[in-house]
């Protein structure tokens, strides 16, 4: 049996889905690095994650345990005992933890997304030095592309782009750091998802942000016009496709470098997305205008992503996932399910576990 998997970011959306998929495998030992004041707090936070995933946890969930740690602290805030235990038992690392806030001051975003990643890399190197055949998968974002126009491929990183926010810039800087680590011999693969939305089959998500805000505003008639380009590319991917990629990278010793987990040629334009949403909900489509007179609070979060002139390419990811018999989804096939789940969960006001979301569509 393989060694343990160290998972960071298990309390976030993508980390939760990754944890659930690892539990589904049934034979994986997962150690979740959880930010908390003490070990008891870490265990309580992990219990909360499992409650969000399951109404009745499967027996394999007993193979998951929490370790108190913090990306912001030297040495990840690990006790000497916990660090030694990780070095002696872990052979794979999945680094999902990050700040996804678009509004953090740059230095704060860097402390989490760049220096936090550097601390995880330090631990990974220590594990590898201890003799384990370590493999690391780091979750970045396709939007390290910033405001680049034209194609942005898996080998692209620094193309002279400007950034919309400190999230994009700090994730770009983290990738620069990881390129250097890979050049020094760290067995590393980078997963770059675009905008992550709910599960394509059940619609499940605990995070109603980015795309969900305008969908809810469109449905309620709160937003009738948006200052954006109708031909802007809105690249979204369901969370299960992203975790398909993460798990494939974790299991493929020959997979190195960057993999764009994106819709790519299947991405909709903003105009196509609005028309599809209108056809599914019966609401009148919003109008695209150069400048809007007044926008509801919160609009600033998603509007920049309705002005994207970059199309991602994903040849390496497509080939990797074809080996796992995973087909890239088309947003036209699952947007209706995202809306149905959002309504079921009252756009985040009514908790519905991941397990229950699958029961609802059975």
Protein backbone atom coordinates (compact mmCIF):
# COMPACT_ATOMS: atom_id res chain seq x y z
CA UNK A 1 0.00 0.00 0.00
CA UNK A 2 1.19 3.51 -0.77
CA UNK A 3 2.05 5.98 1.96
CA UNK A 4 -0.23 8.76 3.17
CA UNK A 5 -1.42 11.73 1.17
CA UNK A 6 -0.97 15.17 2.71
CA UNK A 7 -3.82 17.45 1.63
CA UNK A 8 -3.83 21.19 2.24
CA UNK A 9 -6.97 23.27 1.77
CA UNK A 10 -9.44 20.53 2.76
CA UNK A 11 -11.78 23.17 4.21
CA UNK A 12 -12.16 24.87 0.81
CA UNK A 13 -14.43 23.86 -2.07
CA UNK A 14 -11.87 22.13 -4.28
CA UNK A 15 -10.11 20.61 -1.27
CA UNK A 16 -13.41 19.20 -0.01
CA UNK A 17 -14.16 17.54 -3.34
CA UNK A 18 -10.61 16.18 -3.51
CA UNK A 19 -10.97 14.76 -0.01
CA UNK A 20 -14.30 13.13 -0.91
CA UNK A 21 -12.81 11.54 -4.02
CA UNK A 22 -9.88 10.17 -2.02
CA UNK A 23 -12.31 8.76 0.56
CA UNK A 24 -14.30 7.21 -2.30
CA UNK A 25 -11.21 5.23 -3.29
CA UNK A 26 -11.53 3.50 0.07
CA UNK A 27 -7.90 2.59 0.73
CA UNK A 28 -6.13 5.95 0.98
CA UNK A 29 -4.80 7.37 4.23
CA UNK A 30 -5.28 11.15 4.07
CA UNK A 31 -3.73 13.67 6.42
CA UNK A 32 -5.44 17.05 6.21
CA UNK A 33 -3.37 20.07 7.20
CA UNK A 34 -5.92 22.27 8.95
CA UNK A 35 -5.50 25.78 10.31
CA UNK A 36 -6.62 25.91 13.96
CA UNK A 37 -5.46 27.05 17.37
CA UNK A 38 -4.70 23.51 18.51
CA UNK A 39 -5.13 19.83 17.64
CA UNK A 40 -8.66 19.74 19.02
CA UNK A 41 -9.65 22.69 16.87
CA UNK A 42 -8.14 21.01 13.80
CA UNK A 43 -10.15 17.84 14.43
CA UNK A 44 -13.33 19.88 14.90
CA UNK A 45 -12.80 21.73 11.63
CA UNK A 46 -12.22 18.44 9.80
CA UNK A 47 -15.41 17.06 11.35
CA UNK A 48 -17.24 20.08 9.94
CA UNK A 49 -15.85 19.34 6.48
CA UNK A 50 -16.98 15.71 6.67
CA UNK A 51 -20.45 16.88 7.79
CA UNK A 52 -20.60 19.11 4.70
CA UNK A 53 -19.71 16.14 2.52
CA UNK A 54 -21.74 13.36 4.16
CA UNK A 55 -24.93 12.81 6.08
CA UNK A 56 -23.58 9.34 6.86
CA UNK A 57 -19.80 9.15 6.37
CA UNK A 58 -18.55 5.91 4.77
CA UNK A 59 -16.17 3.67 6.75
CA UNK A 60 -13.21 4.93 4.70
CA UNK A 61 -13.67 8.42 6.20
CA UNK A 62 -12.06 6.98 9.35
CA UNK A 63 -8.78 6.91 7.38
CA UNK A 64 -8.73 10.73 7.31
CA UNK A 65 -7.10 12.61 10.16
CA UNK A 66 -6.33 16.25 10.85
CA UNK A 67 -2.97 17.79 11.68
CA UNK A 68 -2.84 21.35 12.93
CA UNK A 69 -0.80 23.57 10.61
CA UNK A 70 -0.77 27.04 9.10
CA UNK A 71 0.64 28.28 5.78
CA UNK A 72 1.45 31.62 7.43
CA UNK A 73 3.73 30.19 10.11
CA UNK A 74 7.39 29.19 9.78
CA UNK A 75 7.64 25.47 9.18
CA UNK A 76 3.87 25.49 8.54
CA UNK A 77 3.40 25.79 12.31
CA UNK A 78 3.91 22.04 12.67
CA UNK A 79 5.12 20.62 15.95
CA UNK A 80 8.40 18.70 15.79
CA UNK A 81 6.48 15.49 16.44
CA UNK A 82 3.93 16.11 13.68
CA UNK A 83 6.60 17.15 11.18
CA UNK A 84 8.61 14.00 11.87
CA UNK A 85 5.48 11.88 11.50
CA UNK A 86 4.69 13.47 8.12
CA UNK A 87 8.24 13.00 6.88
CA UNK A 88 8.05 9.35 7.89
CA UNK A 89 4.64 8.53 6.39
CA UNK A 90 3.72 10.85 3.49
CA UNK A 91 4.66 10.11 -0.11
CA UNK A 92 2.21 12.39 -1.95
CA UNK A 93 1.22 16.02 -1.39
CA UNK A 94 -1.80 17.82 -2.83
CA UNK A 95 -1.54 21.55 -2.20
CA UNK A 96 -5.01 23.11 -2.64
CA UNK A 97 -4.78 25.71 0.12
CA UNK A 98 -4.76 29.34 -1.01
CA UNK A 99 -6.40 32.67 -0.51
CA UNK A 100 -8.90 33.14 -3.33
CA UNK A 101 -9.81 36.68 -2.28
CA UNK A 102 -9.49 39.21 -5.10
CA UNK A 103 -9.27 42.13 -2.67
CA UNK A 104 -6.36 41.28 -0.38
CA UNK A 105 -3.43 43.71 -0.35
CA UNK A 106 -0.61 42.25 -2.43
CA UNK A 107 1.69 41.48 0.49
CA UNK A 108 -1.04 39.54 2.29
CA UNK A 109 -1.86 37.58 -0.85
CA UNK A 110 1.83 36.82 -1.33
CA UNK A 111 2.22 35.65 2.26
CA UNK A 112 -0.44 32.98 1.74
CA UNK A 113 -0.12 32.06 -1.92
CA UNK A 114 3.62 32.47 -2.47
CA UNK A 115 5.38 32.08 0.85
CA UNK A 116 2.79 29.52 2.01
CA UNK A 117 3.55 27.48 -1.09
CA UNK A 118 7.27 27.85 -0.40
CA UNK A 119 6.74 26.36 3.06
CA UNK A 120 4.87 23.39 1.58
CA UNK A 121 7.72 22.90 -0.91
CA UNK A 122 10.21 22.92 1.98
CA UNK A 123 8.28 20.13 3.67
CA UNK A 124 8.03 18.20 0.39
CA UNK A 125 11.80 18.43 -0.06
CA UNK A 126 12.31 17.20 3.50
CA UNK A 127 10.01 14.23 2.86
CA UNK A 128 11.88 13.41 -0.37
CA UNK A 129 15.22 13.70 1.41
CA UNK A 130 13.98 11.13 3.92
CA UNK A 131 13.81 8.54 1.17
CA UNK A 132 10.15 8.60 0.15
CA UNK A 133 9.44 8.70 -3.63
CA UNK A 134 7.56 11.96 -3.15
CA UNK A 135 5.06 13.34 -5.67
CA UNK A 136 3.46 16.81 -5.35
CA UNK A 137 0.44 18.28 -7.13
CA UNK A 138 -0.03 22.03 -6.75
CA UNK A 139 -3.35 23.70 -7.60
CA UNK A 140 -2.85 27.01 -9.37
CA UNK A 141 -5.29 28.88 -11.64
CA UNK A 142 -5.54 29.31 -15.39
CA UNK A 143 -5.89 33.02 -14.66
CA UNK A 144 -2.17 33.36 -14.06
CA UNK A 145 -2.73 34.48 -17.67
CA UNK A 146 -3.94 37.80 -16.26
CA UNK A 147 -5.16 40.16 -18.98
CA UNK A 148 -3.28 38.37 -21.75
CA UNK A 149 -5.10 38.34 -25.10
CA UNK A 150 -4.98 35.36 -27.43
CA UNK A 151 -4.08 31.76 -26.63
CA UNK A 152 -2.50 30.81 -23.31
CA UNK A 153 -1.09 27.31 -23.21
CA UNK A 154 0.28 24.94 -20.63
CA UNK A 155 3.88 26.00 -21.30
CA UNK A 156 3.02 29.70 -21.01
CA UNK A 157 3.55 31.65 -17.80
CA UNK A 158 5.34 34.98 -18.13
CA UNK A 159 4.04 36.59 -21.33
CA UNK A 160 4.22 40.21 -20.18
CA UNK A 161 0.64 40.16 -18.88
CA UNK A 162 -0.97 42.54 -16.42
CA UNK A 163 -3.22 41.21 -13.66
CA UNK A 164 -6.80 41.97 -12.64
CA UNK A 165 -6.18 41.43 -8.94
CA UNK A 166 -3.69 40.29 -6.32
CA UNK A 167 -5.00 36.72 -6.46
CA UNK A 168 -3.90 36.30 -10.09
CA UNK A 169 -0.56 37.98 -9.48
CA UNK A 170 0.31 36.00 -6.34
CA UNK A 171 -0.63 32.69 -7.98
CA UNK A 172 1.58 33.64 -10.94
CA UNK A 173 4.46 34.33 -8.57
CA UNK A 174 3.88 30.98 -6.85
CA UNK A 175 4.20 29.23 -10.21
CA UNK A 176 7.50 31.00 -10.82
CA UNK A 177 8.72 29.63 -7.49
CA UNK A 178 7.54 26.13 -8.40
CA UNK A 179 9.28 26.22 -11.76
CA UNK A 180 12.54 26.71 -9.90
CA UNK A 181 11.71 23.87 -7.48
CA UNK A 182 10.94 21.52 -10.37
CA UNK A 183 14.20 22.47 -12.07
CA UNK A 184 15.98 21.43 -8.87
CA UNK A 185 14.43 17.96 -9.04
CA UNK A 186 11.15 18.13 -7.10
CA UNK A 187 8.61 15.71 -8.64
CA UNK A 188 5.90 18.25 -9.30
CA UNK A 189 2.81 18.75 -11.44
CA UNK A 190 0.71 21.92 -11.55
CA UNK A 191 -3.06 21.82 -12.11
CA UNK A 192 -4.52 25.03 -13.51
CA UNK A 193 -8.32 25.12 -13.35
CA UNK A 194 -10.30 28.02 -14.76
CA UNK A 195 -13.49 29.14 -12.95
CA UNK A 196 -14.57 26.15 -10.85
CA UNK A 197 -18.30 25.51 -10.51
CA UNK A 198 -20.42 22.74 -9.02
CA UNK A 199 -20.39 19.03 -9.77
CA UNK A 200 -21.63 18.36 -13.30
CA UNK A 201 -23.99 15.55 -12.24
CA UNK A 202 -25.40 16.80 -8.94
CA UNK A 203 -24.58 20.51 -9.07
CA UNK A 204 -23.12 20.33 -5.55
CA UNK A 205 -21.06 23.26 -4.33
CA UNK A 206 -20.59 24.90 -0.92
CA UNK A 207 -19.24 28.07 -2.59
CA UNK A 208 -21.73 30.35 -4.32
CA UNK A 209 -19.30 32.89 -5.70
CA UNK A 210 -17.93 34.21 -9.01
CA UNK A 211 -20.34 32.76 -11.65
CA UNK A 212 -23.13 32.14 -9.13
CA UNK A 213 -23.47 35.80 -8.16
CA UNK A 214 -24.50 36.98 -11.65
CA UNK A 215 -26.67 33.89 -12.22
CA UNK A 216 -28.60 34.67 -9.06
CA UNK A 217 -28.79 38.36 -9.91
CA UNK A 218 -30.00 37.57 -13.47
CA UNK A 219 -32.67 35.20 -12.13
CA UNK A 220 -33.99 37.72 -9.63
CA UNK A 221 -33.98 40.58 -12.08
CA UNK A 222 -31.42 42.50 -9.99
CA UNK A 223 -29.09 42.85 -12.93
CA UNK A 224 -30.46 43.96 -16.28
CA UNK A 225 -27.25 45.21 -17.85
CA UNK A 226 -23.58 44.48 -17.34
CA UNK A 227 -20.53 46.51 -18.44
CA UNK A 228 -18.82 43.73 -20.37
CA UNK A 229 -18.04 42.38 -23.81
CA UNK A 230 -20.57 39.98 -25.30
CA UNK A 231 -17.70 38.09 -26.96
CA UNK A 232 -15.72 37.74 -23.72
CA UNK A 233 -14.65 34.13 -23.06
CA UNK A 234 -16.12 32.67 -19.85
CA UNK A 235 -14.18 29.48 -19.19
CA UNK A 236 -15.80 27.39 -16.45
CA UNK A 237 -15.20 23.80 -15.38
CA UNK A 238 -17.10 21.57 -12.95
CA UNK A 239 -15.31 20.61 -9.76
CA UNK A 240 -15.39 16.89 -10.56
CA UNK A 241 -13.43 17.46 -13.80
CA UNK A 242 -10.78 19.38 -11.85
CA UNK A 243 -10.49 16.62 -9.25
CA UNK A 244 -10.34 14.04 -12.05
CA UNK A 245 -7.25 15.93 -13.17
CA UNK A 246 -5.73 16.22 -9.71
CA UNK A 247 -6.12 12.50 -9.03
CA UNK A 248 -4.76 11.59 -12.46
CA UNK A 249 -1.71 13.75 -11.81
CA UNK A 250 -1.27 12.21 -8.39
CA UNK A 251 -1.24 8.71 -9.88
CA UNK A 252 0.89 9.40 -12.97
CA UNK A 253 4.61 9.34 -12.14
CA UNK A 254 5.47 10.53 -15.65
CA UNK A 255 3.25 13.65 -15.42
CA UNK A 256 5.31 16.78 -14.82
CA UNK A 257 4.81 20.43 -15.59
CA UNK A 258 1.54 22.30 -16.09
CA UNK A 259 -1.91 20.98 -17.01
CA UNK A 260 -4.71 23.41 -17.89
CA UNK A 261 -7.95 21.94 -16.51
CA UNK A 262 -10.24 24.17 -18.53
CA UNK A 263 -13.14 24.16 -20.97
CA UNK A 264 -10.80 25.45 -23.72
CA UNK A 265 -12.57 25.16 -27.10
CA UNK A 266 -15.84 24.35 -25.30
CA UNK A 267 -15.82 27.60 -23.30
CA UNK A 268 -18.83 29.84 -23.87
CA UNK A 269 -18.74 33.50 -24.68
CA UNK A 270 -20.50 35.82 -22.24
CA UNK A 271 -23.28 36.27 -24.78
CA UNK A 272 -23.72 32.50 -25.16
CA UNK A 273 -23.74 32.03 -21.39
CA UNK A 274 -26.41 34.69 -20.89
CA UNK A 275 -28.55 33.24 -23.69
CA UNK A 276 -28.23 29.72 -22.27
CA UNK A 277 -29.10 30.93 -18.76
CA UNK A 278 -32.13 32.78 -20.15
CA UNK A 279 -33.35 29.67 -21.99
CA UNK A 280 -33.05 27.59 -18.80
CA UNK A 281 -34.69 30.06 -16.42
CA UNK A 282 -37.15 31.95 -18.61
CA UNK A 283 -35.66 35.28 -17.50
CA UNK A 284 -34.93 37.99 -20.04
CA UNK A 285 -31.22 38.09 -20.91
CA UNK A 286 -29.14 40.97 -19.60
CA UNK A 287 -27.86 43.63 -21.95
CA UNK A 288 -24.16 44.21 -22.53
CA UNK A 289 -23.17 47.86 -22.30
CA UNK A 290 -19.84 49.73 -22.34
CA UNK A 291 -20.55 51.40 -18.98
CA UNK A 292 -23.35 50.73 -16.50
CA UNK A 293 -24.85 53.62 -14.55
CA UNK A 294 -25.26 51.71 -11.31
CA UNK A 295 -24.40 48.15 -10.33
CA UNK A 296 -25.37 46.17 -7.23
CA UNK A 297 -22.75 45.64 -4.52
CA UNK A 298 -20.66 42.55 -5.22
CA UNK A 299 -20.68 43.02 -8.98
CA UNK A 300 -17.04 44.06 -8.98
CA UNK A 301 -16.04 40.48 -8.15
CA UNK A 302 -17.24 38.93 -11.42
CA UNK A 303 -17.37 41.79 -13.94
CA UNK A 304 -13.61 41.59 -14.73
CA UNK A 305 -14.14 37.96 -15.80
CA UNK A 306 -16.74 39.09 -18.34
CA UNK A 307 -13.93 40.92 -20.13
CA UNK A 308 -11.57 38.04 -20.91
CA UNK A 309 -9.95 37.89 -24.34
CA UNK A 310 -7.78 34.87 -23.65
CA UNK A 311 -8.57 31.31 -24.72
CA UNK A 312 -6.80 28.51 -22.88
CA UNK A 313 -5.36 25.46 -24.59
CA UNK A 314 -5.14 22.11 -22.84
CA UNK A 315 -3.53 19.43 -25.01
CA UNK A 316 -1.53 17.89 -22.16
CA UNK A 317 -4.51 17.77 -19.78
CA UNK A 318 -6.77 16.30 -22.46
CA UNK A 319 -4.25 13.54 -23.20
CA UNK A 320 -3.74 12.81 -19.48
CA UNK A 321 -7.46 12.51 -18.80
CA UNK A 322 -8.13 10.48 -21.93
CA UNK A 323 -5.89 7.81 -20.38
CA UNK A 324 -8.27 7.83 -17.39
CA UNK A 325 -11.32 7.70 -19.72
CA UNK A 326 -12.42 11.19 -18.61
CA UNK A 327 -14.07 13.37 -21.24
CA UNK A 328 -13.99 17.14 -21.02
CA UNK A 329 -17.49 18.41 -20.17
CA UNK A 330 -19.45 20.98 -22.13
CA UNK A 331 -21.05 23.76 -20.00
CA UNK A 332 -24.21 23.46 -22.11
CA UNK A 333 -24.73 20.00 -20.66
CA UNK A 334 -24.56 20.89 -16.97
CA UNK A 335 -25.50 24.56 -16.45
CA UNK A 336 -29.09 23.50 -15.81
CA UNK A 337 -27.96 21.19 -13.02
CA UNK A 338 -25.93 23.99 -11.43
CA UNK A 339 -29.06 26.16 -11.38
CA UNK A 340 -31.22 23.33 -10.01
CA UNK A 341 -28.82 22.69 -7.14
CA UNK A 342 -28.47 26.40 -6.39
CA UNK A 343 -32.24 26.63 -6.06
CA UNK A 344 -32.35 23.49 -3.90
CA UNK A 345 -29.71 24.98 -1.61
CA UNK A 346 -31.35 28.43 -1.76
CA UNK A 347 -28.14 29.82 -3.16
CA UNK A 348 -26.17 28.72 -0.09
CA UNK A 349 -28.72 29.51 2.63
CA UNK A 350 -29.87 25.90 3.03
CA UNK A 351 -27.06 23.39 3.72
CA UNK A 352 -27.23 20.35 1.43
CA UNK A 353 -24.44 17.81 1.80
CA UNK A 354 -22.53 16.47 -1.17
CA UNK A 355 -23.96 13.03 -0.41
CA UNK A 356 -27.53 14.36 -0.33
CA UNK A 357 -27.04 16.21 -3.62
CA UNK A 358 -26.43 12.89 -5.38
CA UNK A 359 -29.48 11.36 -3.74
CA UNK A 360 -31.56 14.28 -5.05
CA UNK A 361 -30.64 13.48 -8.68
CA UNK A 362 -30.75 9.68 -8.37
